[in-house]
N, C-alpha and C. Protein backbone atom coordinates (compact mmCIF):
# COMPACT_ATOMS: atom_id res chain seq x y z
N MET A 1 7.98 60.73 55.48
CA MET A 1 7.62 59.54 55.98
C MET A 1 6.35 58.80 56.77
N SER A 2 5.92 57.75 56.50
CA SER A 2 4.35 57.02 56.59
C SER A 2 4.38 57.02 58.35
N THR A 3 3.69 56.96 59.10
CA THR A 3 3.61 56.21 60.53
C THR A 3 2.31 55.68 60.60
N PHE A 4 3.09 54.20 61.56
CA PHE A 4 1.80 53.30 61.12
C PHE A 4 0.70 53.67 61.63
N PRO A 5 -0.79 53.51 61.71
CA PRO A 5 -0.61 51.89 60.27
C PRO A 5 -1.10 52.90 59.08
N PHE A 6 -0.60 54.20 59.29
CA PHE A 6 -0.59 54.55 57.58
C PHE A 6 0.14 54.50 56.70
N THR A 7 0.28 53.95 55.69
CA THR A 7 1.18 54.47 54.59
C THR A 7 0.78 54.61 53.02
N PRO A 8 1.42 55.60 52.49
CA PRO A 8 1.31 56.20 51.48
C PRO A 8 1.56 55.08 50.14
N THR A 9 0.06 55.84 49.36
CA THR A 9 -0.22 55.22 48.54
C THR A 9 0.75 56.03 46.91
N PRO A 10 1.48 54.99 46.26
CA PRO A 10 2.26 55.27 45.59
C PRO A 10 1.98 55.82 44.38
N GLU A 11 2.38 57.15 43.69
CA GLU A 11 1.78 57.29 42.25
C GLU A 11 2.37 57.27 41.32
N VAL A 12 2.19 56.97 40.28
CA VAL A 12 2.80 56.87 38.84
C VAL A 12 2.63 58.10 38.22
N PHE A 13 3.20 59.37 38.20
CA PHE A 13 3.01 60.16 38.05
C PHE A 13 2.69 60.56 35.37
N THR A 14 3.17 59.56 35.54
CA THR A 14 3.45 59.43 34.32
C THR A 14 2.00 59.25 33.94
N GLY A 15 1.33 58.21 34.61
CA GLY A 15 0.21 57.66 34.08
C GLY A 15 0.75 55.75 34.01
N ASN A 16 1.71 55.97 33.39
CA ASN A 16 2.31 54.25 33.19
C ASN A 16 3.54 54.20 33.46
N VAL A 17 4.17 53.27 34.30
CA VAL A 17 4.79 52.34 34.58
C VAL A 17 6.29 52.39 33.71
N ALA A 18 5.91 52.08 32.61
CA ALA A 18 6.63 51.70 31.36
C ALA A 18 7.21 53.24 31.15
N THR A 19 6.86 54.36 31.56
CA THR A 19 7.19 56.11 30.63
C THR A 19 8.12 56.48 31.89
N VAL A 20 8.18 56.00 32.77
CA VAL A 20 8.69 56.43 34.20
C VAL A 20 10.00 56.84 33.92
N ASN A 21 10.32 58.15 34.10
CA ASN A 21 12.05 58.39 33.72
C ASN A 21 12.23 59.87 34.31
N ASP A 22 12.28 59.19 35.59
CA ASP A 22 12.20 61.03 36.81
C ASP A 22 13.62 61.31 36.59
N PRO A 23 13.91 62.52 37.10
CA PRO A 23 15.43 63.16 36.80
C PRO A 23 16.10 63.07 37.98
N PHE A 24 17.38 62.80 37.79
CA PHE A 24 18.09 62.34 39.23
C PHE A 24 18.91 64.01 39.57
N ASN A 25 18.80 64.58 40.54
CA ASN A 25 18.93 65.80 40.87
C ASN A 25 19.43 66.24 42.39
N ALA A 26 20.46 65.72 42.29
CA ALA A 26 21.16 66.07 43.51
C ALA A 26 20.86 67.02 44.80
N ASN A 27 20.16 68.62 43.97
CA ASN A 27 20.58 69.30 44.83
C ASN A 27 18.50 69.92 45.34
N VAL A 28 18.07 68.55 44.85
CA VAL A 28 16.97 68.42 46.13
C VAL A 28 16.49 67.68 46.47
N PHE A 29 15.33 67.60 47.34
CA PHE A 29 14.86 66.55 48.29
C PHE A 29 14.84 64.88 47.42
N ASN A 30 15.54 64.12 48.44
CA ASN A 30 15.26 62.77 47.82
C ASN A 30 15.77 62.73 46.56
N ASN A 31 16.72 63.94 45.80
CA ASN A 31 17.79 63.24 45.12
C ASN A 31 16.53 63.47 43.49
N GLY A 32 15.27 64.00 43.75
CA GLY A 32 14.64 63.83 42.51
C GLY A 32 13.41 63.05 42.10
N ALA A 33 13.76 61.92 42.75
CA ALA A 33 12.88 60.78 43.32
C ALA A 33 11.51 61.17 43.77
N ARG A 34 10.64 60.86 42.94
CA ARG A 34 9.11 61.02 43.36
C ARG A 34 8.51 60.32 44.57
N MET A 35 9.43 59.37 44.75
CA MET A 35 8.54 58.30 45.94
C MET A 35 10.22 57.83 46.52
N ALA A 36 9.97 57.20 47.54
CA ALA A 36 10.99 55.90 48.25
C ALA A 36 11.84 55.18 47.06
N PRO A 37 13.41 55.05 46.83
CA PRO A 37 13.66 54.50 45.92
C PRO A 37 13.18 52.94 46.80
N GLY A 38 12.97 52.09 45.94
CA GLY A 38 12.65 50.65 45.87
C GLY A 38 10.94 50.30 46.73
N THR A 39 10.10 51.38 46.34
CA THR A 39 8.97 51.45 46.67
C THR A 39 8.47 50.58 45.74
N ARG A 40 7.38 49.65 46.66
CA ARG A 40 7.04 48.26 45.67
C ARG A 40 5.14 48.91 44.86
N VAL A 41 5.04 48.90 43.94
CA VAL A 41 3.99 49.32 43.80
C VAL A 41 3.21 47.84 42.24
N TYR A 42 1.63 47.66 43.20
CA TYR A 42 1.38 46.82 42.46
C TYR A 42 -0.16 46.86 41.71
N GLN A 43 -0.18 45.97 40.27
CA GLN A 43 -1.24 46.63 39.30
C GLN A 43 -2.03 45.82 38.68
N THR A 44 -3.35 45.79 38.98
CA THR A 44 -3.79 44.64 37.67
C THR A 44 -3.82 45.14 36.43
N ASP A 45 -3.50 44.03 35.40
CA ASP A 45 -3.95 44.85 34.10
C ASP A 45 -5.15 44.16 33.14
N SER A 46 -5.54 44.25 32.04
CA SER A 46 -7.36 44.24 31.82
C SER A 46 -7.56 42.95 31.71
N SER A 47 -6.60 41.95 32.26
CA SER A 47 -6.95 40.13 32.28
C SER A 47 -7.29 39.85 33.37
N GLY A 48 -6.76 40.53 34.51
CA GLY A 48 -6.83 40.51 36.03
C GLY A 48 -5.59 40.44 36.87
N ARG A 49 -4.95 39.64 35.68
CA ARG A 49 -3.33 39.66 36.48
C ARG A 49 -2.89 40.49 37.23
N LEU A 50 -2.57 39.77 38.13
CA LEU A 50 -1.39 40.67 39.56
C LEU A 50 -0.18 41.22 38.73
N LEU A 51 0.46 42.12 38.90
CA LEU A 51 1.81 42.50 38.37
C LEU A 51 2.68 43.46 39.52
N LYS A 52 3.59 43.65 39.83
CA LYS A 52 4.19 44.02 40.78
C LYS A 52 5.68 45.01 40.20
N TYR A 53 6.01 46.16 40.85
CA TYR A 53 6.87 47.20 40.28
C TYR A 53 7.59 47.38 40.98
N ARG A 54 8.86 47.35 40.98
CA ARG A 54 9.71 48.39 42.15
C ARG A 54 10.41 49.72 41.21
N TYR A 55 10.04 50.63 42.24
CA TYR A 55 10.83 52.19 41.91
C TYR A 55 12.64 52.19 42.45
N VAL A 56 13.16 52.36 41.38
CA VAL A 56 14.34 51.66 40.88
C VAL A 56 15.52 53.42 40.76
N ARG A 57 16.20 53.36 40.66
CA ARG A 57 17.36 54.44 40.23
C ARG A 57 18.35 53.83 39.02
N TYR A 58 18.02 54.00 37.72
CA TYR A 58 18.94 53.53 36.70
C TYR A 58 20.19 53.84 36.59
N ASN A 59 20.95 53.26 37.31
CA ASN A 59 22.19 53.85 36.85
C ASN A 59 23.90 53.45 36.25
N PRO A 60 23.51 53.18 34.87
CA PRO A 60 25.01 51.91 34.44
C PRO A 60 26.11 52.91 34.41
N THR A 61 26.78 52.31 34.70
CA THR A 61 28.23 53.22 33.97
C THR A 61 28.38 53.65 32.22
N ALA A 62 28.11 52.88 32.24
CA ALA A 62 28.27 53.33 30.36
C ALA A 62 26.47 53.12 30.15
N ALA A 63 26.25 54.15 29.13
CA ALA A 63 24.50 53.81 28.65
C ALA A 63 24.94 52.57 27.41
N VAL A 64 23.53 52.09 27.83
CA VAL A 64 23.06 50.63 26.63
C VAL A 64 21.77 50.79 25.91
N THR A 65 22.34 50.85 24.87
CA THR A 65 20.81 50.74 24.07
C THR A 65 20.83 49.62 23.12
N LEU A 66 19.93 49.26 22.88
CA LEU A 66 19.70 48.00 22.55
C LEU A 66 18.54 48.37 21.06
N THR A 67 19.03 48.98 20.19
CA THR A 67 18.64 49.26 18.57
C THR A 67 17.90 48.59 18.31
N ALA A 68 17.96 47.37 18.13
CA ALA A 68 16.87 46.40 17.87
C ALA A 68 15.49 46.40 18.47
N ASN A 69 15.60 46.61 19.46
CA ASN A 69 14.26 46.25 20.41
C ASN A 69 13.94 47.75 21.60
N THR A 70 13.64 48.26 20.72
CA THR A 70 13.57 49.99 21.55
C THR A 70 12.18 49.69 22.35
N ASN A 71 12.12 49.63 23.23
CA ASN A 71 10.99 50.02 23.86
C ASN A 71 10.61 48.61 24.34
N VAL A 72 11.41 47.80 24.87
CA VAL A 72 11.23 46.49 24.96
C VAL A 72 11.82 46.08 26.04
N PRO A 73 11.36 45.43 27.67
CA PRO A 73 12.27 45.81 28.88
C PRO A 73 13.17 44.11 28.33
N GLY A 74 14.24 44.86 28.83
CA GLY A 74 15.36 43.74 29.31
C GLY A 74 15.72 43.64 31.02
N VAL A 75 16.08 42.70 31.29
CA VAL A 75 16.81 42.47 32.66
C VAL A 75 18.02 43.93 33.03
N VAL A 76 17.76 43.62 34.17
CA VAL A 76 19.15 44.80 34.91
C VAL A 76 19.22 43.93 36.33
N TYR A 77 20.27 44.30 36.79
CA TYR A 77 20.98 43.62 37.96
C TYR A 77 21.39 44.95 38.98
N TRP A 78 21.23 44.80 40.05
CA TRP A 78 21.12 44.91 41.69
C TRP A 78 23.04 45.62 41.81
N LYS A 79 23.33 46.75 41.27
CA LYS A 79 24.07 47.76 41.61
C LYS A 79 24.61 47.92 42.99
N ASP A 80 23.83 47.70 43.54
CA ASP A 80 24.45 48.51 45.60
C ASP A 80 23.77 47.18 46.42
N ASN A 81 24.42 47.36 47.94
CA ASN A 81 23.43 46.81 48.80
C ASN A 81 22.14 47.25 49.54
N THR A 82 21.89 48.57 49.11
CA THR A 82 20.23 49.08 49.45
C THR A 82 19.45 48.74 48.72
N PHE A 83 20.08 47.65 47.49
CA PHE A 83 18.66 47.49 46.40
C PHE A 83 18.01 48.43 45.64
N THR A 84 18.34 49.23 45.84
CA THR A 84 17.96 50.40 44.94
C THR A 84 18.05 51.36 43.91
N VAL A 85 19.74 50.16 43.54
CA VAL A 85 20.14 51.47 42.00
C VAL A 85 20.43 50.32 41.33
N VAL A 86 20.01 49.90 40.28
CA VAL A 86 20.06 48.98 38.95
C VAL A 86 21.21 48.87 38.18
N THR A 87 21.44 48.41 37.39
CA THR A 87 22.00 48.66 35.92
C THR A 87 22.27 47.50 35.01
N PRO A 88 22.26 47.73 33.98
CA PRO A 88 21.93 46.71 32.48
C PRO A 88 23.20 46.04 32.54
N THR A 89 24.40 46.10 33.25
CA THR A 89 25.64 45.47 32.74
C THR A 89 25.84 44.59 33.75
N LEU A 90 25.96 43.02 33.76
CA LEU A 90 26.04 42.02 34.84
C LEU A 90 27.77 42.48 35.60
N SER A 91 28.91 42.63 34.72
CA SER A 91 29.81 43.38 35.60
C SER A 91 29.91 44.23 36.79
N GLU A 92 28.71 45.05 36.19
CA GLU A 92 28.80 46.17 37.05
C GLU A 92 27.75 46.17 38.58
N GLY A 93 27.00 44.81 38.36
CA GLY A 93 26.32 44.22 39.55
C GLY A 93 27.01 43.98 41.09
N ILE A 94 26.06 43.98 41.91
CA ILE A 94 27.18 43.78 43.52
C ILE A 94 28.01 42.48 43.29
N THR A 95 27.71 41.77 42.55
CA THR A 95 28.37 40.40 42.46
C THR A 95 28.80 40.29 40.72
N THR A 96 29.34 39.56 40.16
CA THR A 96 29.49 39.17 38.84
C THR A 96 28.53 37.79 38.91
N GLY A 97 27.75 37.61 39.43
CA GLY A 97 26.91 36.88 39.74
C GLY A 97 25.37 36.38 39.13
N LYS A 98 25.39 35.63 38.16
CA LYS A 98 24.38 35.58 37.40
C LYS A 98 22.54 35.72 38.57
N ASN A 99 22.68 35.57 39.68
CA ASN A 99 21.88 35.62 40.12
C ASN A 99 21.09 37.03 41.31
N GLN A 100 21.71 37.85 40.31
CA GLN A 100 21.61 39.29 41.14
C GLN A 100 21.08 39.90 40.21
N VAL A 101 20.07 39.20 39.71
CA VAL A 101 19.23 40.10 38.58
C VAL A 101 17.62 40.75 39.53
N ALA A 102 17.30 42.17 39.41
CA ALA A 102 17.14 43.23 40.13
C ALA A 102 15.19 42.56 39.71
N GLY A 103 15.33 43.00 37.96
CA GLY A 103 13.91 42.66 37.59
C GLY A 103 14.28 43.05 35.90
N TYR A 104 13.01 43.02 35.57
CA TYR A 104 12.91 43.85 34.23
C TYR A 104 12.44 45.41 34.06
N LEU A 105 13.72 45.98 33.31
CA LEU A 105 13.33 47.67 32.91
C LEU A 105 12.36 48.09 32.33
N LEU A 106 11.65 48.60 32.36
CA LEU A 106 10.51 48.90 31.89
C LEU A 106 10.63 49.95 30.76
N ASN A 107 11.51 50.83 31.19
CA ASN A 107 11.79 52.13 29.92
C ASN A 107 13.28 51.87 29.06
N ALA A 108 12.91 51.18 28.61
CA ALA A 108 14.25 51.15 27.73
C ALA A 108 14.89 52.09 27.33
N ASN A 109 14.43 53.31 27.06
CA ASN A 109 15.03 54.62 26.57
C ASN A 109 15.30 55.43 27.48
N ALA A 110 14.96 55.03 29.07
CA ALA A 110 15.64 55.69 30.40
C ALA A 110 16.97 55.98 30.35
N THR A 111 16.96 57.58 30.87
CA THR A 111 18.30 58.18 30.70
C THR A 111 19.39 57.90 31.93
N ALA A 112 20.04 57.05 31.75
CA ALA A 112 20.86 56.33 32.85
C ALA A 112 21.09 57.93 33.87
N GLY A 113 20.82 57.28 35.32
CA GLY A 113 20.94 58.68 36.73
C GLY A 113 19.42 58.74 36.75
N ASN A 114 18.86 58.12 36.15
CA ASN A 114 17.17 58.99 36.35
C ASN A 114 16.64 57.63 37.18
N PHE A 115 15.42 57.56 37.93
CA PHE A 115 14.35 57.04 38.54
C PHE A 115 13.57 56.09 37.76
N VAL A 116 13.09 55.03 37.49
CA VAL A 116 12.12 54.00 36.66
C VAL A 116 11.77 53.55 37.35
N PHE A 117 10.97 52.15 36.86
CA PHE A 117 10.24 51.47 37.22
C PHE A 117 11.08 50.33 36.68
N ILE A 118 11.39 48.97 37.83
CA ILE A 118 11.06 47.19 37.39
C ILE A 118 10.26 46.53 37.53
N GLN A 119 9.79 45.43 36.16
CA GLN A 119 9.06 44.89 36.55
C GLN A 119 9.60 43.44 37.62
N VAL A 120 9.23 42.82 38.42
CA VAL A 120 9.50 41.84 39.30
C VAL A 120 8.82 40.84 39.88
N ALA A 121 7.59 41.09 38.95
CA ALA A 121 6.60 39.79 39.08
C ALA A 121 5.27 39.95 38.20
N GLY A 122 4.94 39.15 37.54
CA GLY A 122 3.46 39.53 36.98
C GLY A 122 3.97 38.72 35.39
N TYR A 123 2.71 39.02 34.39
CA TYR A 123 3.21 38.45 33.27
C TYR A 123 3.69 39.88 32.23
N LEU A 124 4.49 39.67 31.55
CA LEU A 124 4.76 40.93 30.45
C LEU A 124 5.02 40.42 29.01
N ALA A 125 4.40 41.39 28.41
CA ALA A 125 3.87 40.82 27.30
C ALA A 125 4.88 40.94 26.25
N ASN A 126 5.84 41.61 26.03
CA ASN A 126 7.43 41.71 25.39
C ASN A 126 8.56 42.11 26.36
N ALA A 127 9.20 41.05 26.47
CA ALA A 127 10.55 40.97 27.23
C ALA A 127 11.62 40.85 26.01
N VAL A 128 13.25 41.43 26.20
CA VAL A 128 13.73 40.81 25.50
C VAL A 128 14.55 39.44 25.72
N VAL A 129 14.57 38.25 25.09
CA VAL A 129 15.10 37.25 25.66
C VAL A 129 15.89 36.37 25.08
N ALA A 130 16.73 35.41 25.54
CA ALA A 130 17.74 34.80 24.61
C ALA A 130 17.54 34.23 23.85
N ALA A 131 18.65 34.24 22.68
CA ALA A 131 18.72 33.37 21.32
C ALA A 131 18.37 31.83 21.81
N GLY A 132 17.01 31.41 20.99
CA GLY A 132 16.96 29.75 21.36
C GLY A 132 15.34 29.40 22.12
N THR A 133 15.26 31.30 22.63
CA THR A 133 13.98 30.68 23.67
C THR A 133 12.79 29.76 23.01
N ALA A 134 12.23 28.81 23.82
CA ALA A 134 10.74 28.25 23.32
C ALA A 134 10.27 28.53 24.44
N ILE A 135 8.99 28.14 24.08
CA ILE A 135 7.60 28.21 25.05
C ILE A 135 8.56 27.33 26.42
N ASP A 136 7.91 27.68 27.39
CA ASP A 136 8.56 27.08 28.65
C ASP A 136 10.02 26.87 28.91
N GLY A 137 10.96 27.93 27.99
CA GLY A 137 11.87 28.02 28.42
C GLY A 137 12.71 29.35 29.76
N VAL A 138 13.12 29.12 30.55
CA VAL A 138 13.72 29.36 31.67
C VAL A 138 14.53 30.52 31.44
N GLN A 139 14.51 32.20 31.64
CA GLN A 139 14.71 33.23 31.59
C GLN A 139 15.68 33.22 33.20
N ILE A 140 17.54 33.01 32.63
CA ILE A 140 18.03 33.49 34.10
C ILE A 140 19.22 34.92 33.39
N GLY A 141 19.61 35.16 34.31
CA GLY A 141 20.80 36.38 34.06
C GLY A 141 22.14 35.66 33.77
N GLY A 142 22.78 36.71 33.04
CA GLY A 142 23.72 36.10 32.99
C GLY A 142 23.85 36.29 31.41
N GLY A 143 23.29 37.07 30.50
CA GLY A 143 23.50 36.85 29.60
C GLY A 143 25.00 37.14 29.16
N ALA A 144 25.41 37.44 27.74
CA ALA A 144 26.50 38.18 27.58
C ALA A 144 26.81 39.45 27.05
N THR A 145 24.62 39.81 26.07
CA THR A 145 24.83 40.60 26.10
C THR A 145 23.93 42.06 27.19
N PRO A 146 24.50 43.03 27.56
CA PRO A 146 23.29 43.92 28.56
C PRO A 146 21.52 43.85 28.30
N LEU A 147 21.11 43.79 29.05
CA LEU A 147 19.77 43.92 29.21
C LEU A 147 19.18 42.11 28.54
N ILE A 148 19.79 41.46 28.40
CA ILE A 148 18.95 40.23 27.52
C ILE A 148 19.51 39.40 28.58
N SER A 149 18.43 38.72 28.94
CA SER A 149 18.86 37.15 29.75
C SER A 149 19.61 35.90 28.81
N ALA A 150 20.03 35.15 29.84
CA ALA A 150 20.52 33.75 29.42
C ALA A 150 19.15 32.67 29.56
N VAL A 151 19.00 31.49 28.64
CA VAL A 151 17.82 30.48 29.09
C VAL A 151 18.18 29.23 28.96
N ILE A 152 17.82 28.52 29.45
CA ILE A 152 17.88 27.14 30.13
C ILE A 152 16.60 26.72 29.53
N VAL A 153 16.70 25.89 28.76
CA VAL A 153 15.51 24.92 28.10
C VAL A 153 14.90 23.97 29.10
N SER A 154 13.20 24.01 28.44
CA SER A 154 12.44 23.39 29.61
C SER A 154 13.16 21.84 29.91
N GLY A 155 12.65 21.37 31.21
CA GLY A 155 13.49 19.98 31.31
C GLY A 155 15.15 19.83 31.45
N VAL A 156 15.75 20.87 31.52
CA VAL A 156 16.97 20.88 31.52
C VAL A 156 17.30 21.46 33.37
N ALA A 157 18.28 20.57 34.01
CA ALA A 157 18.40 21.25 35.08
C ALA A 157 19.19 22.86 36.01
N LEU A 158 18.01 24.04 36.62
CA LEU A 158 19.32 24.94 36.89
C LEU A 158 20.04 25.33 37.08
N THR A 159 20.45 26.12 36.24
CA THR A 159 22.08 26.50 36.82
C THR A 159 21.99 27.91 37.66
N ALA A 160 20.58 28.25 37.87
CA ALA A 160 20.74 29.81 38.22
C ALA A 160 19.31 30.14 38.95
N ARG A 161 19.35 30.88 39.47
CA ARG A 161 17.54 31.35 39.95
C ARG A 161 16.78 32.18 38.75
N PRO A 162 15.52 31.68 38.59
CA PRO A 162 14.85 31.71 37.89
C PRO A 162 14.40 33.22 37.91
N VAL A 163 14.12 33.68 36.36
CA VAL A 163 13.90 35.81 36.30
C VAL A 163 12.35 35.12 35.70
N ALA A 164 11.96 34.45 34.58
CA ALA A 164 11.36 34.55 34.33
C ALA A 164 10.86 33.04 33.53
N VAL A 165 9.91 33.08 32.74
CA VAL A 165 9.05 31.88 32.23
C VAL A 165 8.97 32.44 30.91
N SER A 166 9.36 31.79 29.67
CA SER A 166 8.67 32.12 28.54
C SER A 166 7.33 31.61 28.39
N LEU A 167 6.58 32.36 27.70
CA LEU A 167 5.06 31.68 27.27
C LEU A 167 5.41 31.24 25.90
N ALA A 168 6.04 32.00 25.16
CA ALA A 168 6.27 31.28 23.94
C ALA A 168 7.67 31.52 22.88
N ALA A 169 7.35 31.08 22.09
CA ALA A 169 8.68 31.00 21.10
C ALA A 169 8.85 32.45 21.13
N ILE A 170 10.76 32.58 20.75
CA ILE A 170 10.93 33.25 20.32
C ILE A 170 10.40 34.16 19.08
N SER A 171 10.81 35.77 19.15
CA SER A 171 9.75 36.00 17.82
C SER A 171 10.84 37.64 18.10
N GLY A 172 11.98 37.70 16.79
CA GLY A 172 12.11 39.00 17.16
C GLY A 172 12.95 39.45 18.32
N ASN A 173 13.70 38.50 19.07
CA ASN A 173 14.74 38.40 20.14
C ASN A 173 13.25 38.89 21.48
N GLN A 174 12.21 38.84 20.86
CA GLN A 174 11.42 38.83 22.32
C GLN A 174 10.12 37.84 22.39
N ALA A 175 9.51 37.63 23.59
CA ALA A 175 8.79 36.81 23.95
C ALA A 175 7.71 37.24 24.97
N PRO A 176 6.64 36.85 25.22
CA PRO A 176 6.00 37.08 26.22
C PRO A 176 6.48 36.49 27.59
N VAL A 177 6.60 36.59 28.77
CA VAL A 177 7.32 35.87 30.02
C VAL A 177 6.24 36.17 30.96
N LEU A 178 6.39 35.18 31.92
CA LEU A 178 5.98 35.31 33.42
C LEU A 178 7.46 35.61 34.68
N VAL A 179 7.27 36.98 34.87
CA VAL A 179 8.69 37.37 35.62
C VAL A 179 8.03 36.43 37.19
N CYS A 180 9.02 36.46 37.21
CA CYS A 180 8.77 35.46 38.65
C CYS A 180 10.51 35.69 39.83
N ILE A 181 10.87 36.96 39.82
CA ILE A 181 12.09 37.10 40.77
C ILE A 181 11.16 37.50 42.26
N GLU A 182 10.47 37.99 42.59
CA GLU A 182 9.48 38.09 43.79
C GLU A 182 8.12 38.08 43.74
N ASP A 183 7.96 37.71 44.90
CA ASP A 183 6.46 36.70 44.88
C ASP A 183 5.42 38.49 45.17
N VAL A 184 4.33 38.16 44.45
CA VAL A 184 3.08 38.70 44.20
C VAL A 184 2.87 39.12 45.86
């Protein structure tokens, strides 16, 4: 634990937030987490855009796979009140409300129970999006399929908290989005 005014610098041990899959192990310190769950990590991409991630435990009750979208980030929901555990299934969230989106799971091949990163702010080049997504479509939680958001078309009143804004029309269940769950 750090003491004021010093704070530890988070380290992404794989070198890429999208490949982190740190094994949960109840027999070791911090259950195998390489940093405190909930830790925020900031990066800039090659275009200078600021990106924000959170280190969390991915713990769905049942494993979820999107075979058509391997390695494409999808939405996950907060599973407990510590805001450190996520699930891809809306019905397993803290509440079944679509406003409980935690972020976009970056490692779509993460093992259930392990520690991973989710993206909570910034540009995301490919995200799983709802059918009918067009440019400026607002992605919200509550999609019928795990890891897939719902969409509100541009110009229509919002019915839930925005998760991301699509920056292009859907192409093969994917689109680039601007994630807006947390501020940077």
